[in-house]
Amino acid sequence: MHILVINLGSSSLKYQLFDMPSDNPLCTGVIERIGTAETIIRHSIGTVEPVKVIELKEPIADYAAGFQQMIQLLLDYETGVGQSPDSIQVVGHRVVHGGNYFTRATLIIPGVKETIKALFPLAPLHNPIDYQCIEMAEKTFPHARQIAVFATAFHQTIPEYAFRYAIPNALYEKHAIRVYGFPGTSHQYVSEKALAWLGNPNAKLISIHLGNGCSITAVEAGKSLDTSMGFSPLWPGHGNPLRRY
């Protein structure tokens, strides 16, 4: 089963193509600096040495152009799997904000798309391009199942006393201002691996994500109890007005 996984950033598009059940990707790539005159494209074929790597520098005006560049590389016989779009059976999308609605990976149906769209105000830099990518993938891979994995989903187990801010109730009830936590996908993966290594499914852990955004999460028995990144997916360096610590 060919599964394409797509992860959009504020100016990048990352992707991997798997032939499951193998967890070694057939192809992997990143398109960085989208929207500039010198977009950098790195596309790798296989994971066993020697890995063939293609590097290009060319203007990619927007995410639609970046998406088409990805498809061209993936479906080419020399740089990808050389098959028709119908060979892709599942497309997985990292979606930044799932609000209060999603706690797990979710099959994308019209109602799910509308909810992602309704959450644009909570992640204005991310959810609109995630939504755009879903629509492009639906058109490019009409027979594939589209799956959304939400960066906020893992943190939906945080209790109310931890996810509520000391602000008027109306701001929570009308405007949904609360702790959502990011990136849940990273904290969930790290904590699951740590629990397996410890052989103790009920262990208490602290997981730390270090990257362009940094966050720390308290985990007990595989569930998020509190996290340092709150209302917004804006990283601390961008001036998040509700940075908690």
Foldseek 3Di string as FASTA:
>chain_A
DWEKEWEDDLFKIWIFIPDPPDPWTQKIWMWGRAQDQWIWIWIWGTDDPPIDIDIDTGHHRDVVSVVVVVVVQQCCVVRHVVDALQVHAEYEYEAEDPALHAQFKDWDDPVSLVSLVVCCVLAVSTSVVSSVVVVVSCVRNVNHTYIYGYQQNLQSPADPVAFADPDDVCCCVVVVFTFRDGRNVVVLVVVVVVCVVVVHLQDWDWDWDDDPAIKIFTDGSSGTHHMQHGRHPDHVVVPPVPRPD
